[in-house]
């Protein structure tokens, strides 16, 4: 039986959303020879589980390409590139670009702190999920001593309200009645956008422009 693209996701709702963007890139380019491991760096256990998954995939699919991405890969690409099971390591910015999956570069990880904007990515839905996750914000400006995530995600960037409305409209048209607004620090939403709309203003506009949405959830707010 022919192999198909596979994405193994660890960590947060934002990673789940980004994995669906990746799935769209792989499907559009018929990349059925790739397994993507979308990692998390919140805990050492999350990183251990990612390494374990990489070894398991290599045993199960010895001929496939294994691409490692996500926060753990962004923060420590060398660690993953040294694993004999891994073919390529790409960063959190690069994983969202379709062309990254056609490159032959062993490591594609740029300076995440230099990124100033976050583009919206239109997806059709989520595999085997009744609710949908929508990215509204990315990164974090705080530098808490116990948290490494800003070094995996970069500084805070917000998705324009119009892009969020467009994504939610697409999802409701495809049958999703529940959406979870997701990000790294969504309480900081809008501080980098023209007019500086805040989270409450964004939510009110979403509700008025997406009448078919029955339930709107907000992920963790610090």
C-alpha atoms as a PDB file:
ATOM      1  CA  UNK A   1       0.000   0.000   0.000  1.00  0.00           C
ATOM      2  CA  UNK A   2       1.312   3.457  -0.898  1.00  0.00           C
ATOM      3  CA  UNK A   3       2.518   5.615   1.952  1.00  0.00           C
ATOM      4  CA  UNK A   4       0.689   8.829   2.763  1.00  0.00           C
ATOM      5  CA  UNK A   5       1.798  12.071   4.434  1.00  0.00           C
ATOM      6  CA  UNK A   6       1.699  11.830   8.203  1.00  0.00           C
ATOM      7  CA  UNK A   7       1.939  14.606  10.780  1.00  0.00           C
ATOM      8  CA  UNK A   8       2.576  13.859  14.440  1.00  0.00           C
ATOM      9  CA  UNK A   9       1.746  16.844  16.616  1.00  0.00           C
ATOM     10  CA  UNK A  10       2.862  17.610  20.149  1.00  0.00           C
ATOM     11  CA  UNK A  11       1.906  20.504  22.382  1.00  0.00           C
ATOM     12  CA  UNK A  12      -0.507  23.385  22.058  1.00  0.00           C
ATOM     13  CA  UNK A  13      -3.596  24.235  20.018  1.00  0.00           C
ATOM     14  CA  UNK A  14      -1.502  26.526  17.862  1.00  0.00           C
ATOM     15  CA  UNK A  15       0.641  23.562  16.858  1.00  0.00           C
ATOM     16  CA  UNK A  16      -2.559  21.685  15.969  1.00  0.00           C
ATOM     17  CA  UNK A  17      -3.608  24.544  13.692  1.00  0.00           C
ATOM     18  CA  UNK A  18      -0.174  24.748  12.090  1.00  0.00           C
ATOM     19  CA  UNK A  19      -0.155  21.000  11.478  1.00  0.00           C
ATOM     20  CA  UNK A  20      -3.270  21.414   9.339  1.00  0.00           C
ATOM     21  CA  UNK A  21      -1.511  24.119   7.316  1.00  0.00           C
ATOM     22  CA  UNK A  22       1.391  21.705   6.828  1.00  0.00           C
ATOM     23  CA  UNK A  23      -1.021  18.937   5.819  1.00  0.00           C
ATOM     24  CA  UNK A  24      -2.437  21.195   3.130  1.00  0.00           C
ATOM     25  CA  UNK A  25       1.050  21.876   1.751  1.00  0.00           C
ATOM     26  CA  UNK A  26       1.915  18.171   1.627  1.00  0.00           C
ATOM     27  CA  UNK A  27      -1.397  17.144   0.070  1.00  0.00           C
ATOM     28  CA  UNK A  28      -1.224  19.891  -2.563  1.00  0.00           C
ATOM     29  CA  UNK A  29       2.210  18.704  -3.660  1.00  0.00           C
ATOM     30  CA  UNK A  30       1.563  14.945  -3.317  1.00  0.00           C
ATOM     31  CA  UNK A  31       4.341  14.599  -0.776  1.00  0.00           C
ATOM     32  CA  UNK A  32       3.355  11.157   0.445  1.00  0.00           C
ATOM     33  CA  UNK A  33       6.989  10.368   1.206  1.00  0.00           C
ATOM     34  CA  UNK A  34       7.208  12.674   4.241  1.00  0.00           C
ATOM     35  CA  UNK A  35       6.437  12.335   7.939  1.00  0.00           C
ATOM     36  CA  UNK A  36       6.469  15.622   9.853  1.00  0.00           C
ATOM     37  CA  UNK A  37       7.082  15.677  13.604  1.00  0.00           C
ATOM     38  CA  UNK A  38       5.719  18.985  14.953  1.00  0.00           C
ATOM     39  CA  UNK A  39       7.444  19.305  18.320  1.00  0.00           C
ATOM     40  CA  UNK A  40       6.838  21.124  21.603  1.00  0.00           C
ATOM     41  CA  UNK A  41       9.465  22.580  23.948  1.00  0.00           C
ATOM     42  CA  UNK A  42       7.388  23.384  27.039  1.00  0.00           C
ATOM     43  CA  UNK A  43       8.849  20.476  29.024  1.00  0.00           C
ATOM     44  CA  UNK A  44      11.742  18.046  28.778  1.00  0.00           C
ATOM     45  CA  UNK A  45       9.150  15.271  28.661  1.00  0.00           C
ATOM     46  CA  UNK A  46       7.601  16.753  25.511  1.00  0.00           C
ATOM     47  CA  UNK A  47      11.014  16.729  23.839  1.00  0.00           C
ATOM     48  CA  UNK A  48      11.640  13.145  24.972  1.00  0.00           C
ATOM     49  CA  UNK A  49       8.313  12.055  23.500  1.00  0.00           C
ATOM     50  CA  UNK A  50       9.199  13.727  20.196  1.00  0.00           C
ATOM     51  CA  UNK A  51      12.519  11.873  19.997  1.00  0.00           C
ATOM     52  CA  UNK A  52      10.741   8.634  20.834  1.00  0.00           C
ATOM     53  CA  UNK A  53       8.195   9.274  18.064  1.00  0.00           C
ATOM     54  CA  UNK A  54      10.990   9.935  15.558  1.00  0.00           C
ATOM     55  CA  UNK A  55      12.624   6.584  16.310  1.00  0.00           C
ATOM     56  CA  UNK A  56       9.281   4.791  16.118  1.00  0.00           C
ATOM     57  CA  UNK A  57       8.487   6.327  12.717  1.00  0.00           C
ATOM     58  CA  UNK A  58      11.881   5.294  11.351  1.00  0.00           C
ATOM     59  CA  UNK A  59      11.310   1.698  12.427  1.00  0.00           C
ATOM     60  CA  UNK A  60       7.812   1.697  10.940  1.00  0.00           C
ATOM     61  CA  UNK A  61       8.625   3.558   7.715  1.00  0.00           C
ATOM     62  CA  UNK A  62      12.332   3.048   6.974  1.00  0.00           C
ATOM     63  CA  UNK A  63      12.192   4.649   3.514  1.00  0.00           C
ATOM     64  CA  UNK A  64      10.274   7.804   4.401  1.00  0.00           C
ATOM     65  CA  UNK A  65      11.683  11.295   4.891  1.00  0.00           C
ATOM     66  CA  UNK A  66      11.397  12.508   8.475  1.00  0.00           C
ATOM     67  CA  UNK A  67      11.098  16.277   8.851  1.00  0.00           C
ATOM     68  CA  UNK A  68      11.255  17.719  12.367  1.00  0.00           C
ATOM     69  CA  UNK A  69       9.809  21.142  13.128  1.00  0.00           C
ATOM     70  CA  UNK A  70       8.064  23.037  15.936  1.00  0.00           C
ATOM     71  CA  UNK A  71       9.383  24.834  19.003  1.00  0.00           C
ATOM     72  CA  UNK A  72      11.917  22.212  20.094  1.00  0.00           C
ATOM     73  CA  UNK A  73      13.374  22.155  16.576  1.00  0.00           C
ATOM     74  CA  UNK A  74      13.458  25.954  16.437  1.00  0.00           C
ATOM     75  CA  UNK A  75      15.308  26.201  19.749  1.00  0.00           C
ATOM     76  CA  UNK A  76      17.759  23.313  19.288  1.00  0.00           C
ATOM     77  CA  UNK A  77      17.926  22.266  15.627  1.00  0.00           C
ATOM     78  CA  UNK A  78      21.358  20.686  16.018  1.00  0.00           C
ATOM     79  CA  UNK A  79      20.079  18.151  18.537  1.00  0.00           C
ATOM     80  CA  UNK A  80      17.526  16.808  16.074  1.00  0.00           C
ATOM     81  CA  UNK A  81      19.790  17.019  13.029  1.00  0.00           C
ATOM     82  CA  UNK A  82      22.284  14.749  14.807  1.00  0.00           C
ATOM     83  CA  UNK A  83      19.682  12.009  15.170  1.00  0.00           C
ATOM     84  CA  UNK A  84      20.393   9.400  12.455  1.00  0.00           C
ATOM     85  CA  UNK A  85      16.656   8.937  11.882  1.00  0.00           C
ATOM     86  CA  UNK A  86      16.086  12.596  10.898  1.00  0.00           C
ATOM     87  CA  UNK A  87      16.416  13.837   7.314  1.00  0.00           C
ATOM     88  CA  UNK A  88      15.631  17.517   7.775  1.00  0.00           C
ATOM     89  CA  UNK A  89      14.955  20.125  10.471  1.00  0.00           C
ATOM     90  CA  UNK A  90      12.922  23.255   9.716  1.00  0.00           C
ATOM     91  CA  UNK A  91      11.945  26.169  11.943  1.00  0.00           C
ATOM     92  CA  UNK A  92       8.590  27.522  13.047  1.00  0.00           C
ATOM     93  CA  UNK A  93       8.548  30.141  10.298  1.00  0.00           C
ATOM     94  CA  UNK A  94       9.750  27.793   7.577  1.00  0.00           C
ATOM     95  CA  UNK A  95       7.223  25.067   8.394  1.00  0.00           C
ATOM     96  CA  UNK A  96       4.398  27.350   7.242  1.00  0.00           C
ATOM     97  CA  UNK A  97       5.828  27.749   3.718  1.00  0.00           C
ATOM     98  CA  UNK A  98       5.019  25.131   1.079  1.00  0.00           C
ATOM     99  CA  UNK A  99       8.422  25.495  -0.580  1.00  0.00           C
ATOM    100  CA  UNK A 100      10.187  24.334   2.596  1.00  0.00           C
ATOM    101  CA  UNK A 101       9.051  20.772   1.930  1.00  0.00           C
ATOM    102  CA  UNK A 102      10.696  20.704  -1.480  1.00  0.00           C
ATOM    103  CA  UNK A 103      14.063  21.974  -0.283  1.00  0.00           C
ATOM    104  CA  UNK A 104      17.068  19.706   0.180  1.00  0.00           C
ATOM    105  CA  UNK A 105      18.620  21.785   2.983  1.00  0.00           C
ATOM    106  CA  UNK A 106      19.315  19.691   6.070  1.00  0.00           C
ATOM    107  CA  UNK A 107      18.569  22.575   8.453  1.00  0.00           C
ATOM    108  CA  UNK A 108      16.286  25.518   7.642  1.00  0.00           C
ATOM    109  CA  UNK A 109      15.942  27.531  10.853  1.00  0.00           C
ATOM    110  CA  UNK A 110      16.134  31.316  10.783  1.00  0.00           C
ATOM    111  CA  UNK A 111      16.134  33.916  13.567  1.00  0.00           C
ATOM    112  CA  UNK A 112      12.546  33.815  14.847  1.00  0.00           C
ATOM    113  CA  UNK A 113      13.067  37.085  16.749  1.00  0.00           C
ATOM    114  CA  UNK A 114      13.458  38.955  13.461  1.00  0.00           C
ATOM    115  CA  UNK A 115       9.899  38.140  12.350  1.00  0.00           C
ATOM    116  CA  UNK A 116       7.549  41.119  12.653  1.00  0.00           C
ATOM    117  CA  UNK A 117       4.303  39.862  11.090  1.00  0.00           C
ATOM    118  CA  UNK A 118       2.136  36.752  11.076  1.00  0.00           C
ATOM    119  CA  UNK A 119       0.243  35.897   7.905  1.00  0.00           C
ATOM    120  CA  UNK A 120      -3.106  34.169   7.992  1.00  0.00           C
ATOM    121  CA  UNK A 121      -3.310  30.713   6.406  1.00  0.00           C
ATOM    122  CA  UNK A 122      -6.658  29.527   5.073  1.00  0.00           C
ATOM    123  CA  UNK A 123      -7.430  25.913   5.967  1.00  0.00           C
ATOM    124  CA  UNK A 124     -10.490  23.819   5.144  1.00  0.00           C
ATOM    125  CA  UNK A 125     -10.830  21.897   8.392  1.00  0.00           C
ATOM    126  CA  UNK A 126      -9.219  19.559  10.905  1.00  0.00           C
ATOM    127  CA  UNK A 127      -8.745  15.844  10.445  1.00  0.00           C
ATOM    128  CA  UNK A 128     -10.910  13.842  12.863  1.00  0.00           C
ATOM    129  CA  UNK A 129     -11.867  16.863  14.995  1.00  0.00           C
ATOM    130  CA  UNK A 130     -15.301  18.342  15.654  1.00  0.00           C
ATOM    131  CA  UNK A 131     -13.974  21.750  16.676  1.00  0.00           C
ATOM    132  CA  UNK A 132     -11.553  23.975  14.801  1.00  0.00           C
ATOM    133  CA  UNK A 133      -8.570  25.972  16.041  1.00  0.00           C
ATOM    134  CA  UNK A 134      -7.864  29.370  14.506  1.00  0.00           C
ATOM    135  CA  UNK A 135      -4.634  31.281  14.974  1.00  0.00           C
ATOM    136  CA  UNK A 136      -5.193  34.884  16.037  1.00  0.00           C
ATOM    137  CA  UNK A 137      -1.804  35.650  17.544  1.00  0.00           C
ATOM    138  CA  UNK A 138       1.743  34.311  17.594  1.00  0.00           C
ATOM    139  CA  UNK A 139       4.755  34.761  19.877  1.00  0.00           C
ATOM    140  CA  UNK A 140       5.228  36.491  23.217  1.00  0.00           C
ATOM    141  CA  UNK A 141       6.899  39.718  24.380  1.00  0.00           C
ATOM    142  CA  UNK A 142       7.308  38.556  27.982  1.00  0.00           C
ATOM    143  CA  UNK A 143      10.569  37.015  29.158  1.00  0.00           C
ATOM    144  CA  UNK A 144       9.547  34.916  32.148  1.00  0.00           C
ATOM    145  CA  UNK A 145      12.570  33.151  33.620  1.00  0.00           C
ATOM    146  CA  UNK A 146      10.783  29.781  33.657  1.00  0.00           C
ATOM    147  CA  UNK A 147       9.532  29.888  30.053  1.00  0.00           C
ATOM    148  CA  UNK A 148      11.477  29.125  26.878  1.00  0.00           C
ATOM    149  CA  UNK A 149       8.589  29.569  24.450  1.00  0.00           C
ATOM    150  CA  UNK A 150       9.447  33.119  23.235  1.00  0.00           C
ATOM    151  CA  UNK A 151      12.692  31.677  21.865  1.00  0.00           C
ATOM    152  CA  UNK A 152      10.690  29.139  19.893  1.00  0.00           C
ATOM    153  CA  UNK A 153       7.917  31.479  18.769  1.00  0.00           C
ATOM    154  CA  UNK A 154       9.473  34.937  18.653  1.00  0.00           C
ATOM    155  CA  UNK A 155       7.887  38.226  19.641  1.00  0.00           C
ATOM    156  CA  UNK A 156       4.147  38.845  19.703  1.00  0.00           C
ATOM    157  CA  UNK A 157       2.459  39.254  16.302  1.00  0.00           C
ATOM    158  CA  UNK A 158      -1.273  39.456  15.610  1.00  0.00           C
ATOM    159  CA  UNK A 159      -3.336  38.226  12.671  1.00  0.00           C
ATOM    160  CA  UNK A 160      -5.485  40.952  11.101  1.00  0.00           C
ATOM    161  CA  UNK A 161      -9.169  40.750  12.041  1.00  0.00           C
ATOM    162  CA  UNK A 162     -10.241  40.459   8.411  1.00  0.00           C
ATOM    163  CA  UNK A 163      -8.070  37.361   7.967  1.00  0.00           C
ATOM    164  CA  UNK A 164      -9.549  35.776  11.093  1.00  0.00           C
ATOM    165  CA  UNK A 165     -13.107  36.458   9.886  1.00  0.00           C
ATOM    166  CA  UNK A 166     -12.257  34.941   6.508  1.00  0.00           C
ATOM    167  CA  UNK A 167     -10.867  31.787   8.135  1.00  0.00           C
ATOM    168  CA  UNK A 168     -13.846  31.337  10.447  1.00  0.00           C
ATOM    169  CA  UNK A 169     -16.266  31.878   7.559  1.00  0.00           C
ATOM    170  CA  UNK A 170     -14.468  29.148   5.609  1.00  0.00           C
ATOM    171  CA  UNK A 171     -14.691  26.750   8.538  1.00  0.00           C
ATOM    172  CA  UNK A 172     -18.380  27.392   9.230  1.00  0.00           C
ATOM    173  CA  UNK A 173     -19.110  26.898   5.525  1.00  0.00           C
ATOM    174  CA  UNK A 174     -17.442  23.489   5.865  1.00  0.00           C
ATOM    175  CA  UNK A 175     -19.678  22.496   8.768  1.00  0.00           C
ATOM    176  CA  UNK A 176     -17.730  23.580  11.843  1.00  0.00           C
ATOM    177  CA  UNK A 177     -19.949  25.174  14.482  1.00  0.00           C
ATOM    178  CA  UNK A 178     -17.293  25.602  17.190  1.00  0.00           C
ATOM    179  CA  UNK A 179     -14.019  27.513  16.905  1.00  0.00           C
ATOM    180  CA  UNK A 180     -11.241  27.999  19.455  1.00  0.00           C
ATOM    181  CA  UNK A 181      -9.200  31.196  19.109  1.00  0.00           C
ATOM    182  CA  UNK A 182      -5.588  30.183  19.633  1.00  0.00           C
ATOM    183  CA  UNK A 183      -2.222  31.824  20.151  1.00  0.00           C
ATOM    184  CA  UNK A 184       0.716  32.015  22.511  1.00  0.00           C
ATOM    185  CA  UNK A 185      -0.304  35.159  24.423  1.00  0.00           C
ATOM    186  CA  UNK A 186      -3.687  36.143  23.030  1.00  0.00           C
ATOM    187  CA  UNK A 187      -4.275  38.728  25.761  1.00  0.00           C
ATOM    188  CA  UNK A 188      -1.703  40.849  23.891  1.00  0.00           C
ATOM    189  CA  UNK A 189      -3.740  40.632  20.676  1.00  0.00           C
ATOM    190  CA  UNK A 190      -3.726  43.746  18.511  1.00  0.00           C
ATOM    191  CA  UNK A 191      -0.926  45.737  20.129  1.00  0.00           C
ATOM    192  CA  UNK A 192       1.078  45.502  16.895  1.00  0.00           C
ATOM    193  CA  UNK A 193      -1.804  46.198  14.482  1.00  0.00           C
ATOM    194  CA  UNK A 194      -2.959  49.556  13.077  1.00  0.00           C
ATOM    195  CA  UNK A 195      -5.446  51.101  15.496  1.00  0.00           C
ATOM    196  CA  UNK A 196      -4.359  48.625  18.198  1.00  0.00           C
ATOM    197  CA  UNK A 197      -7.646  46.661  18.424  1.00  0.00           C
ATOM    198  CA  UNK A 198      -7.801  44.610  21.613  1.00  0.00           C
ATOM    199  CA  UNK A 199      -9.028  41.063  22.151  1.00  0.00           C
ATOM    200  CA  UNK A 200     -12.537  42.131  23.144  1.00  0.00           C
ATOM    201  CA  UNK A 201     -12.955  44.313  20.073  1.00  0.00           C
ATOM    202  CA  UNK A 202     -11.730  41.508  17.856  1.00  0.00           C
ATOM    203  CA  UNK A 203     -14.186  39.020  19.388  1.00  0.00           C
ATOM    204  CA  UNK A 204     -17.129  41.394  18.971  1.00  0.00           C
ATOM    205  CA  UNK A 205     -16.277  41.911  15.323  1.00  0.00           C
ATOM    206  CA  UNK A 206     -15.951  38.169  14.757  1.00  0.00           C
ATOM    207  CA  UNK A 207     -19.353  37.484  16.255  1.00  0.00           C
ATOM    208  CA  UNK A 208     -20.997  40.178  14.149  1.00  0.00           C
ATOM    209  CA  UNK A 209     -19.338  38.999  10.928  1.00  0.00           C
ATOM    210  CA  UNK A 210     -19.667  35.227  11.369  1.00  0.00           C
ATOM    211  CA  UNK A 211     -23.397  34.686  12.037  1.00  0.00           C
ATOM    212  CA  UNK A 212     -23.214  30.933  11.349  1.00  0.00           C
ATOM    213  CA  UNK A 213     -20.722  30.341  14.163  1.00  0.00           C
ATOM    214  CA  UNK A 214     -22.613  28.767  17.068  1.00  0.00           C
ATOM    215  CA  UNK A 215     -19.838  28.602  19.663  1.00  0.00           C
ATOM    216  CA  UNK A 216     -16.647  30.627  20.075  1.00  0.00           C
ATOM    217  CA  UNK A 217     -14.040  29.601  22.618  1.00  0.00           C
ATOM    218  CA  UNK A 218     -10.915  31.426  23.722  1.00  0.00           C
ATOM    219  CA  UNK A 219      -7.831  29.443  24.657  1.00  0.00           C
ATOM    220  CA  UNK A 220      -5.722  30.219  27.727  1.00  0.00           C
ATOM    221  CA  UNK A 221      -5.371  33.880  28.690  1.00  0.00           C
ATOM    222  CA  UNK A 222      -2.524  34.940  30.974  1.00  0.00           C
END
